């Protein structure tokens, strides 16, 4: 089984919410711990991890820094998640470094 299928079996589809939760748990942090590191409420972390909300750019950067994660990959997940919410079946995009 390839890594992507293994991860999807373990944590569900690769969404921003699932990715954030996996990174947080991988660092052995509670939602409260991560919230304190980032400067948001525990409820905000919960909303991000359940897919009820997406963090803005500055919070995404802070989350990535706190978890040593790839903010660019999260940008891709968020764009894909939003497209899915809106019923868009196919999305193509690229990320260019400024």
PDB file of N, CA and C in Angstrom:
ATOM      1  N   UNK A   1       0.858  -1.175   0.000  1.00  0.00           N
ATOM      2  CA  UNK A   1       0.000   0.000   0.000  1.00  0.00           C
ATOM      3  C   UNK A   1       0.905   1.239   0.000  1.00  0.00           C
ATOM      4  N   UNK A   2       0.591   2.179  -0.870  1.00  0.00           N
ATOM      5  CA  UNK A   2       1.425   3.375  -0.905  1.00  0.00           C
ATOM      6  C   UNK A   2       1.114   4.287   0.284  1.00  0.00           C
ATOM      7  N   UNK A   3       1.998   5.231   0.531  1.00  0.00           N
ATOM      8  CA  UNK A   3       1.900   6.094   1.713  1.00  0.00           C
ATOM      9  C   UNK A   3       0.606   6.899   1.738  1.00  0.00           C
ATOM     10  N   UNK A   4       0.207   7.442   0.589  1.00  0.00           N
ATOM     11  CA  UNK A   4      -1.006   8.263   0.562  1.00  0.00           C
ATOM     12  C   UNK A   4      -2.228   7.436   0.941  1.00  0.00           C
ATOM     13  N   UNK A   5      -2.359   6.249   0.372  1.00  0.00           N
ATOM     14  CA  UNK A   5      -3.516   5.402   0.716  1.00  0.00           C
ATOM     15  C   UNK A   5      -3.467   4.982   2.179  1.00  0.00           C
ATOM     16  N   UNK A   6      -2.268   4.696   2.682  1.00  0.00           N
ATOM     17  CA  UNK A   6      -2.129   4.330   4.097  1.00  0.00           C
ATOM     18  C   UNK A   6      -2.604   5.473   4.992  1.00  0.00           C
ATOM     19  N   UNK A   7      -2.133   6.679   4.694  1.00  0.00           N
ATOM     20  CA  UNK A   7      -2.531   7.831   5.502  1.00  0.00           C
ATOM     21  C   UNK A   7      -4.024   8.092   5.409  1.00  0.00           C
ATOM     22  N   UNK A   8      -4.576   7.985   4.198  1.00  0.00           N
ATOM     23  CA  UNK A   8      -6.009   8.211   4.044  1.00  0.00           C
ATOM     24  C   UNK A   8      -6.818   7.168   4.804  1.00  0.00           C
ATOM     25  N   UNK A   9      -6.311   5.953   4.861  1.00  0.00           N
ATOM     26  CA  UNK A   9      -6.989   4.906   5.632  1.00  0.00           C
ATOM     27  C   UNK A   9      -6.932   5.219   7.126  1.00  0.00           C
ATOM     28  N   UNK A  10      -5.811   5.752   7.579  1.00  0.00           N
ATOM     29  CA  UNK A  10      -5.627   6.065   8.997  1.00  0.00           C
ATOM     30  C   UNK A  10      -6.351   7.327   9.444  1.00  0.00           C
ATOM     31  N   UNK A  11      -6.291   8.397   8.625  1.00  0.00           N
ATOM     32  CA  UNK A  11      -6.835   9.680   9.078  1.00  0.00           C
ATOM     33  C   UNK A  11      -7.959  10.220   8.211  1.00  0.00           C
ATOM     34  N   UNK A  12      -8.296   9.542   7.143  1.00  0.00           N
ATOM     35  CA  UNK A  12      -9.343  10.026   6.250  1.00  0.00           C
ATOM     36  C   UNK A  12      -8.743  10.739   5.063  1.00  0.00           C
ATOM     37  N   UNK A  13      -9.599  11.305   4.217  1.00  0.00           N
ATOM     38  CA  UNK A  13      -9.095  11.986   3.016  1.00  0.00           C
ATOM     39  C   UNK A  13      -8.143  13.120   3.385  1.00  0.00           C
ATOM     40  N   UNK A  14      -7.192  13.381   2.505  1.00  0.00           N
ATOM     41  CA  UNK A  14      -6.215  14.427   2.770  1.00  0.00           C
ATOM     42  C   UNK A  14      -6.857  15.792   2.586  1.00  0.00           C
ATOM     43  N   UNK A  15      -7.320  16.318   3.678  1.00  0.00           N
ATOM     44  CA  UNK A  15      -7.905  17.649   3.720  1.00  0.00           C
ATOM     45  C   UNK A  15      -7.048  18.498   4.641  1.00  0.00           C
ATOM     46  N   UNK A  16      -7.289  19.795   4.626  1.00  0.00           N
ATOM     47  CA  UNK A  16      -6.569  20.651   5.560  1.00  0.00           C
ATOM     48  C   UNK A  16      -6.858  20.217   6.993  1.00  0.00           C
ATOM     49  N   UNK A  17      -8.135  19.949   7.296  1.00  0.00           N
ATOM     50  CA  UNK A  17      -8.534  19.578   8.660  1.00  0.00           C
ATOM     51  C   UNK A  17      -7.789  18.331   9.133  1.00  0.00           C
ATOM     52  N   UNK A  18      -7.790  17.288   8.317  1.00  0.00           N
ATOM     53  CA  UNK A  18      -7.121  16.048   8.708  1.00  0.00           C
ATOM     54  C   UNK A  18      -5.614  16.217   8.802  1.00  0.00           C
ATOM     55  N   UNK A  19      -5.058  16.996   7.900  1.00  0.00           N
ATOM     56  CA  UNK A  19      -3.621  17.224   7.921  1.00  0.00           C
ATOM     57  C   UNK A  19      -3.201  17.978   9.184  1.00  0.00           C
ATOM     58  N   UNK A  20      -3.937  19.030   9.519  1.00  0.00           N
ATOM     59  CA  UNK A  20      -3.620  19.799  10.722  1.00  0.00           C
ATOM     60  C   UNK A  20      -3.684  18.921  11.962  1.00  0.00           C
ATOM     61  N   UNK A  21      -4.738  18.137  12.076  1.00  0.00           N
ATOM     62  CA  UNK A  21      -4.892  17.258  13.241  1.00  0.00           C
ATOM     63  C   UNK A  21      -3.753  16.244  13.316  1.00  0.00           C
ATOM     64  N   UNK A  22      -3.390  15.661  12.178  1.00  0.00           N
ATOM     65  CA  UNK A  22      -2.299  14.684  12.156  1.00  0.00           C
ATOM     66  C   UNK A  22      -0.974  15.317  12.575  1.00  0.00           C
ATOM     67  N   UNK A  23      -0.691  16.531  12.069  1.00  0.00           N
ATOM     68  CA  UNK A  23       0.548  17.222  12.453  1.00  0.00           C
ATOM     69  C   UNK A  23       0.545  17.510  13.959  1.00  0.00           C
ATOM     70  N   UNK A  24      -0.585  18.002  14.471  1.00  0.00           N
ATOM     71  CA  UNK A  24      -0.662  18.334  15.895  1.00  0.00           C
ATOM     72  C   UNK A  24      -0.455  17.084  16.743  1.00  0.00           C
ATOM     73  N   UNK A  25      -1.152  16.013  16.405  1.00  0.00           N
ATOM     74  CA  UNK A  25      -1.010  14.775  17.176  1.00  0.00           C
ATOM     75  C   UNK A  25       0.386  14.191  17.042  1.00  0.00           C
ATOM     76  N   UNK A  26       0.979  14.347  15.850  1.00  0.00           N
ATOM     77  CA  UNK A  26       2.348  13.876  15.643  1.00  0.00           C
ATOM     78  C   UNK A  26       3.357  14.598  16.518  1.00  0.00           C
ATOM     79  N   UNK A  27       3.058  15.832  16.865  1.00  0.00           N
ATOM     80  CA  UNK A  27       3.922  16.610  17.763  1.00  0.00           C
ATOM     81  C   UNK A  27       3.516  16.437  19.224  1.00  0.00           C
ATOM     82  N   UNK A  28       2.522  15.576  19.461  1.00  0.00           N
ATOM     83  CA  UNK A  28       2.030  15.280  20.808  1.00  0.00           C
ATOM     84  C   UNK A  28       1.564  16.544  21.535  1.00  0.00           C
ATOM     85  N   UNK A  29       0.821  17.368  20.806  1.00  0.00           N
ATOM     86  CA  UNK A  29       0.275  18.602  21.374  1.00  0.00           C
ATOM     87  C   UNK A  29      -1.239  18.474  21.495  1.00  0.00           C
ATOM     88  N   UNK A  30      -1.783  19.042  22.552  1.00  0.00           N
ATOM     89  CA  UNK A  30      -3.237  19.136  22.665  1.00  0.00           C
ATOM     90  C   UNK A  30      -3.691  20.333  21.827  1.00  0.00           C
ATOM     91  N   UNK A  31      -4.984  20.409  21.594  1.00  0.00           N
ATOM     92  CA  UNK A  31      -5.501  21.587  20.898  1.00  0.00           C
ATOM     93  C   UNK A  31      -5.176  22.840  21.693  1.00  0.00           C
ATOM     94  N   UNK A  32      -5.278  22.765  23.001  1.00  0.00           N
ATOM     95  CA  UNK A  32      -4.974  23.914  23.867  1.00  0.00           C
ATOM     96  C   UNK A  32      -3.508  24.334  23.727  1.00  0.00           C
ATOM     97  N   UNK A  33      -2.598  23.344  23.717  1.00  0.00           N
ATOM     98  CA  UNK A  33      -1.170  23.650  23.566  1.00  0.00           C
ATOM     99  C   UNK A  33      -0.897  24.371  22.251  1.00  0.00           C
ATOM    100  N   UNK A  34      -1.465  23.850  21.174  1.00  0.00           N
ATOM    101  CA  UNK A  34      -1.252  24.462  19.868  1.00  0.00           C
ATOM    102  C   UNK A  34      -1.864  25.856  19.816  1.00  0.00           C
ATOM    103  N   UNK A  35      -3.042  25.997  20.381  1.00  0.00           N
ATOM    104  CA  UNK A  35      -3.709  27.306  20.401  1.00  0.00           C
ATOM    105  C   UNK A  35      -2.827  28.350  21.083  1.00  0.00           C
ATOM    106  N   UNK A  36      -2.224  27.983  22.204  1.00  0.00           N
ATOM    107  CA  UNK A  36      -1.342  28.916  22.927  1.00  0.00           C
ATOM    108  C   UNK A  36      -0.126  29.285  22.087  1.00  0.00           C
ATOM    109  N   UNK A  37       0.461  28.304  21.406  1.00  0.00           N
ATOM    110  CA  UNK A  37       1.637  28.574  20.570  1.00  0.00           C
ATOM    111  C   UNK A  37       1.323  29.533  19.424  1.00  0.00           C
ATOM    112  N   UNK A  38       0.102  29.433  18.910  1.00  0.00           N
ATOM    113  CA  UNK A  38      -0.277  30.198  17.729  1.00  0.00           C
ATOM    114  C   UNK A  38      -0.959  31.514  18.080  1.00  0.00           C
ATOM    115  N   UNK A  39      -1.550  31.583  19.279  1.00  0.00           N
ATOM    116  CA  UNK A  39      -2.235  32.803  19.687  1.00  0.00           C
ATOM    117  C   UNK A  39      -3.690  32.853  19.268  1.00  0.00           C
ATOM    118  N   UNK A  40      -4.323  31.688  19.234  1.00  0.00           N
ATOM    119  CA  UNK A  40      -5.756  31.600  18.928  1.00  0.00           C
ATOM    120  C   UNK A  40      -6.425  30.797  20.043  1.00  0.00           C
ATOM    121  N   UNK A  41      -7.732  30.692  19.990  1.00  0.00           N
ATOM    122  CA  UNK A  41      -8.453  29.920  21.004  1.00  0.00           C
ATOM    123  C   UNK A  41      -8.409  28.425  20.679  1.00  0.00           C
ATOM    124  N   UNK A  42      -8.632  27.608  21.692  1.00  0.00           N
ATOM    125  CA  UNK A  42      -8.730  26.168  21.480  1.00  0.00           C
ATOM    126  C   UNK A  42      -9.902  25.876  20.556  1.00  0.00           C
ATOM    127  N   UNK A  43     -10.974  26.648  20.697  1.00  0.00           N
ATOM    128  CA  UNK A  43     -12.141  26.476  19.840  1.00  0.00           C
ATOM    129  C   UNK A  43     -11.784  26.712  18.371  1.00  0.00           C
ATOM    130  N   UNK A  44     -10.910  27.671  18.101  1.00  0.00           N
ATOM    131  CA  UNK A  44     -10.485  27.922  16.716  1.00  0.00           C
ATOM    132  C   UNK A  44      -9.766  26.692  16.158  1.00  0.00           C
ATOM    133  N   UNK A  45      -8.873  26.117  16.943  1.00  0.00           N
ATOM    134  CA  UNK A  45      -8.157  24.908  16.503  1.00  0.00           C
ATOM    135  C   UNK A  45      -9.163  23.793  16.230  1.00  0.00           C
ATOM    136  N   UNK A  46     -10.127  23.633  17.107  1.00  0.00           N
ATOM    137  CA  UNK A  46     -11.161  22.616  16.922  1.00  0.00           C
ATOM    138  C   UNK A  46     -11.921  22.840  15.615  1.00  0.00           C
ATOM    139  N   UNK A  47     -12.280  24.081  15.344  1.00  0.00           N
ATOM    140  CA  UNK A  47     -13.020  24.394  14.112  1.00  0.00           C
ATOM    141  C   UNK A  47     -12.169  24.102  12.870  1.00  0.00           C
ATOM    142  N   UNK A  48     -10.871  24.378  12.937  1.00  0.00           N
ATOM    143  CA  UNK A  48      -9.991  24.075  11.808  1.00  0.00           C
ATOM    144  C   UNK A  48      -9.892  22.566  11.600  1.00  0.00           C
ATOM    145  N   UNK A  49      -9.779  21.818  12.699  1.00  0.00           N
ATOM    146  CA  UNK A  49      -9.593  20.370  12.617  1.00  0.00           C
ATOM    147  C   UNK A  49     -10.864  19.621  12.227  1.00  0.00           C
ATOM    148  N   UNK A  50     -12.001  20.252  12.361  1.00  0.00           N
ATOM    149  CA  UNK A  50     -13.251  19.613  11.952  1.00  0.00           C
ATOM    150  C   UNK A  50     -13.723  20.117  10.595  1.00  0.00           C
ATOM    151  N   UNK A  51     -12.958  21.028   9.993  1.00  0.00           N
ATOM    152  CA  UNK A  51     -13.301  21.535   8.677  1.00  0.00           C
ATOM    153  C   UNK A  51     -14.430  22.554   8.686  1.00  0.00           C
ATOM    154  N   UNK A  52     -14.776  23.064   9.868  1.00  0.00           N
ATOM    155  CA  UNK A  52     -15.851  24.060   9.959  1.00  0.00           C
ATOM    156  C   UNK A  52     -15.364  25.458   9.612  1.00  0.00           C
ATOM    157  N   UNK A  53     -14.062  25.648   9.620  1.00  0.00           N
ATOM    158  CA  UNK A  53     -13.484  26.966   9.344  1.00  0.00           C
ATOM    159  C   UNK A  53     -12.069  26.765   8.818  1.00  0.00           C
ATOM    160  N   UNK A  54     -11.562  27.763   8.120  1.00  0.00           N
ATOM    161  CA  UNK A  54     -10.181  27.757   7.647  1.00  0.00           C
ATOM    162  C   UNK A  54      -9.468  28.967   8.234  1.00  0.00           C
ATOM    163  N   UNK A  55      -8.220  28.794   8.664  1.00  0.00           N
ATOM    164  CA  UNK A  55      -7.477  29.948   9.180  1.00  0.00           C
ATOM    165  C   UNK A  55      -7.049  30.868   8.047  1.00  0.00           C
ATOM    166  N   UNK A  56      -6.923  32.147   8.366  1.00  0.00           N
ATOM    167  CA  UNK A  56      -6.410  33.115   7.404  1.00  0.00           C
ATOM    168  C   UNK A  56      -4.922  32.907   7.181  1.00  0.00           C
ATOM    169  N   UNK A  57      -4.349  33.636   6.243  1.00  0.00           N
ATOM    170  CA  UNK A  57      -2.938  33.447   5.880  1.00  0.00           C
ATOM    171  C   UNK A  57      -1.956  33.566   7.043  1.00  0.00           C
ATOM    172  N   UNK A  58      -2.136  34.555   7.904  1.00  0.00           N
ATOM    173  CA  UNK A  58      -1.193  34.733   9.016  1.00  0.00           C
ATOM    174  C   UNK A  58      -1.280  33.592  10.027  1.00  0.00           C
ATOM    175  N   UNK A  59      -2.490  33.141  10.306  1.00  0.00           N
ATOM    176  CA  UNK A  59      -2.661  32.017  11.238  1.00  0.00           C
ATOM    177  C   UNK A  59      -2.111  30.738  10.612  1.00  0.00           C
ATOM    178  N   UNK A  60      -2.319  30.546   9.300  1.00  0.00           N
ATOM    179  CA  UNK A  60      -1.744  29.368   8.627  1.00  0.00           C
ATOM    180  C   UNK A  60      -0.229  29.352   8.777  1.00  0.00           C
ATOM    181  N   UNK A  61       0.389  30.509   8.589  1.00  0.00           N
ATOM    182  CA  UNK A  61       1.849  30.594   8.739  1.00  0.00           C
ATOM    183  C   UNK A  61       2.268  30.265  10.169  1.00  0.00           C
ATOM    184  N   UNK A  62       1.527  30.785  11.141  1.00  0.00           N
ATOM    185  CA  UNK A  62       1.850  30.522  12.546  1.00  0.00           C
ATOM    186  C   UNK A  62       1.672  29.043  12.881  1.00  0.00           C
ATOM    187  N   UNK A  63       0.614  28.436  12.362  1.00  0.00           N
ATOM    188  CA  UNK A  63       0.397  27.001  12.580  1.00  0.00           C
ATOM    189  C   UNK A  63       1.543  26.186  11.979  1.00  0.00           C
ATOM    190  N   UNK A  64       1.914  26.521  10.751  1.00  0.00           N
ATOM    191  CA  UNK A  64       2.998  25.800  10.080  1.00  0.00           C
ATOM    192  C   UNK A  64       4.312  25.948  10.841  1.00  0.00           C
ATOM    193  N   UNK A  65       4.576  27.142  11.330  1.00  0.00           N
ATOM    194  CA  UNK A  65       5.807  27.368  12.092  1.00  0.00           C
ATOM    195  C   UNK A  65       5.785  26.570  13.397  1.00  0.00           C
ATOM    196  N   UNK A  66       4.663  26.597  14.093  1.00  0.00           N
ATOM    197  CA  UNK A  66       4.551  25.884  15.370  1.00  0.00           C
ATOM    198  C   UNK A  66       4.700  24.372  15.202  1.00  0.00           C
ATOM    199  N   UNK A  67       4.251  23.860  14.059  1.00  0.00           N
ATOM    200  CA  UNK A  67       4.275  22.412  13.833  1.00  0.00           C
ATOM    201  C   UNK A  67       5.382  21.975  12.880  1.00  0.00           C
ATOM    202  N   UNK A  68       6.175  22.940  12.395  1.00  0.00           N
ATOM    203  CA  UNK A  68       7.212  22.662  11.403  1.00  0.00           C
ATOM    204  C   UNK A  68       6.604  21.937  10.201  1.00  0.00           C
ATOM    205  N   UNK A  69       5.473  22.457   9.734  1.00  0.00           N
ATOM    206  CA  UNK A  69       4.743  21.876   8.608  1.00  0.00           C
ATOM    207  C   UNK A  69       4.929  22.732   7.364  1.00  0.00           C
ATOM    208  N   UNK A  70       4.463  22.219   6.243  1.00  0.00           N
ATOM    209  CA  UNK A  70       4.590  22.901   4.960  1.00  0.00           C
ATOM    210  C   UNK A  70       3.329  23.722   4.684  1.00  0.00           C
ATOM    211  N   UNK A  71       3.415  25.026   4.867  1.00  0.00           N
ATOM    212  CA  UNK A  71       2.260  25.894   4.668  1.00  0.00           C
ATOM    213  C   UNK A  71       1.779  25.849   3.216  1.00  0.00           C
ATOM    214  N   UNK A  72       2.672  25.646   2.265  1.00  0.00           N
ATOM    215  CA  UNK A  72       2.270  25.590   0.857  1.00  0.00           C
ATOM    216  C   UNK A  72       1.357  24.397   0.592  1.00  0.00           C
ATOM    217  N   UNK A  73       1.653  23.263   1.207  1.00  0.00           N
ATOM    218  CA  UNK A  73       0.786  22.096   1.028  1.00  0.00           C
ATOM    219  C   UNK A  73      -0.583  22.371   1.632  1.00  0.00           C
ATOM    220  N   UNK A  74      -0.611  23.046   2.764  1.00  0.00           N
ATOM    221  CA  UNK A  74      -1.898  23.390   3.372  1.00  0.00           C
ATOM    222  C   UNK A  74      -2.696  24.319   2.464  1.00  0.00           C
ATOM    223  N   UNK A  75      -2.027  25.239   1.779  1.00  0.00           N
ATOM    224  CA  UNK A  75      -2.718  26.129   0.844  1.00  0.00           C
ATOM    225  C   UNK A  75      -3.422  25.296  -0.234  1.00  0.00           C
ATOM    226  N   UNK A  76      -2.736  24.275  -0.723  1.00  0.00           N
ATOM    227  CA  UNK A  76      -3.314  23.401  -1.737  1.00  0.00           C
ATOM    228  C   UNK A  76      -4.545  22.682  -1.170  1.00  0.00           C
ATOM    229  N   UNK A  77      -4.408  22.123   0.021  1.00  0.00           N
ATOM    230  CA  UNK A  77      -5.544  21.428   0.637  1.00  0.00           C
ATOM    231  C   UNK A  77      -6.728  22.369   0.828  1.00  0.00           C
ATOM    232  N   UNK A  78      -6.469  23.580   1.295  1.00  0.00           N
ATOM    233  CA  UNK A  78      -7.559  24.530   1.540  1.00  0.00           C
ATOM    234  C   UNK A  78      -8.265  24.893   0.235  1.00  0.00           C
ATOM    235  N   UNK A  79      -7.503  25.168  -0.818  1.00  0.00           N
ATOM    236  CA  UNK A  79      -8.132  25.484  -2.094  1.00  0.00           C
ATOM    237  C   UNK A  79      -8.981  24.317  -2.587  1.00  0.00           C
ATOM    238  N   UNK A  80      -8.460  23.110  -2.446  1.00  0.00           N
ATOM    239  CA  UNK A  80      -9.204  21.928  -2.873  1.00  0.00           C
ATOM    240  C   UNK A  80     -10.448  21.729  -2.011  1.00  0.00           C
ATOM    241  N   UNK A  81     -10.323  21.932  -0.708  1.00  0.00           N
ATOM    242  CA  UNK A  81     -11.461  21.768   0.209  1.00  0.00           C
ATOM    243  C   UNK A  81     -12.568  22.773  -0.102  1.00  0.00           C
ATOM    244  N   UNK A  82     -12.180  24.026  -0.352  1.00  0.00           N
ATOM    245  CA  UNK A  82     -13.168  25.061  -0.670  1.00  0.00           C
ATOM    246  C   UNK A  82     -13.857  24.742  -2.000  1.00  0.00           C
ATOM    247  N   UNK A  83     -13.092  24.304  -2.980  1.00  0.00           N
ATOM    248  CA  UNK A  83     -13.685  23.942  -4.269  1.00  0.00           C
ATOM    249  C   UNK A  83     -14.698  22.809  -4.087  1.00  0.00           C
ATOM    250  N   UNK A  84     -14.353  21.831  -3.277  1.00  0.00           N
ATOM    251  CA  UNK A  84     -15.266  20.708  -3.036  1.00  0.00           C
ATOM    252  C   UNK A  84     -16.551  21.193  -2.370  1.00  0.00           C
ATOM    253  N   UNK A  85     -16.412  22.083  -1.386  1.00  0.00           N
ATOM    254  CA  UNK A  85     -17.590  22.652  -0.717  1.00  0.00           C
ATOM    255  C   UNK A  85     -18.517  23.339  -1.710  1.00  0.00           C
ATOM    256  N   UNK A  86     -17.937  23.976  -2.721  1.00  0.00           N
ATOM    257  CA  UNK A  86     -18.718  24.726  -3.708  1.00  0.00           C
ATOM    258  C   UNK A  86     -19.196  23.844  -4.859  1.00  0.00           C
ATOM    259  N   UNK A  87     -18.887  22.550  -4.795  1.00  0.00           N
ATOM    260  CA  UNK A  87     -19.343  21.623  -5.821  1.00  0.00           C
ATOM    261  C   UNK A  87     -18.502  21.615  -7.083  1.00  0.00           C
ATOM    262  N   UNK A  88     -17.317  22.180  -7.022  1.00  0.00           N
ATOM    263  CA  UNK A  88     -16.421  22.191  -8.174  1.00  0.00           C
ATOM    264  C   UNK A  88     -15.680  20.858  -8.195  1.00  0.00           C
ATOM    265  N   UNK A  89     -15.772  20.147  -9.300  1.00  0.00           N
ATOM    266  CA  UNK A  89     -15.225  18.800  -9.371  1.00  0.00           C
ATOM    267  C   UNK A  89     -13.769  18.737  -9.812  1.00  0.00           C
ATOM    268  N   UNK A  90     -13.302  19.745 -10.531  1.00  0.00           N
ATOM    269  CA  UNK A  90     -11.927  19.713 -11.023  1.00  0.00           C
ATOM    270  C   UNK A  90     -11.292  21.089 -10.836  1.00  0.00           C
ATOM    271  N   UNK A  91     -10.135  21.095 -10.191  1.00  0.00           N
ATOM    272  CA  UNK A  91      -9.423  22.343  -9.940  1.00  0.00           C
ATOM    273  C   UNK A  91      -7.972  22.160 -10.360  1.00  0.00           C
ATOM    274  N   UNK A  92      -7.460  23.124 -11.093  1.00  0.00           N
ATOM    275  CA  UNK A  92      -6.045  23.131 -11.433  1.00  0.00           C
ATOM    276  C   UNK A  92      -5.454  24.458 -10.983  1.00  0.00           C
ATOM    277  N   UNK A  93      -4.291  24.405 -10.399  1.00  0.00           N
ATOM    278  CA  UNK A  93      -3.623  25.619  -9.959  1.00  0.00           C
ATOM    279  C   UNK A  93      -2.153  25.319  -9.769  1.00  0.00           C
ATOM    280  N   UNK A  94      -1.373  26.368  -9.664  1.00  0.00           N
ATOM    281  CA  UNK A  94       0.048  26.221  -9.364  1.00  0.00           C
ATOM    282  C   UNK A  94       0.418  27.275  -8.340  1.00  0.00           C
ATOM    283  N   UNK A  95       1.459  26.974  -7.598  1.00  0.00           N
ATOM    284  CA  UNK A  95       1.949  27.911  -6.599  1.00  0.00           C
ATOM    285  C   UNK A  95       3.336  28.358  -7.027  1.00  0.00           C
ATOM    286  N   UNK A  96       3.516  29.655  -7.136  1.00  0.00           N
ATOM    287  CA  UNK A  96       4.801  30.210  -7.508  1.00  0.00           C
ATOM    288  C   UNK A  96       5.390  30.953  -6.325  1.00  0.00           C
ATOM    289  N   UNK A  97       6.659  30.770  -6.131  1.00  0.00           N
ATOM    290  CA  UNK A  97       7.335  31.471  -5.060  1.00  0.00           C
ATOM    291  C   UNK A  97       7.670  32.875  -5.536  1.00  0.00           C
ATOM    292  N   UNK A  98       7.360  33.863  -4.701  1.00  0.00           N
ATOM    293  CA  UNK A  98       7.604  35.259  -5.066  1.00  0.00           C
ATOM    294  C   UNK A  98       9.069  35.609  -4.925  1.00  0.00           C
TER     295      UNK A  98
END
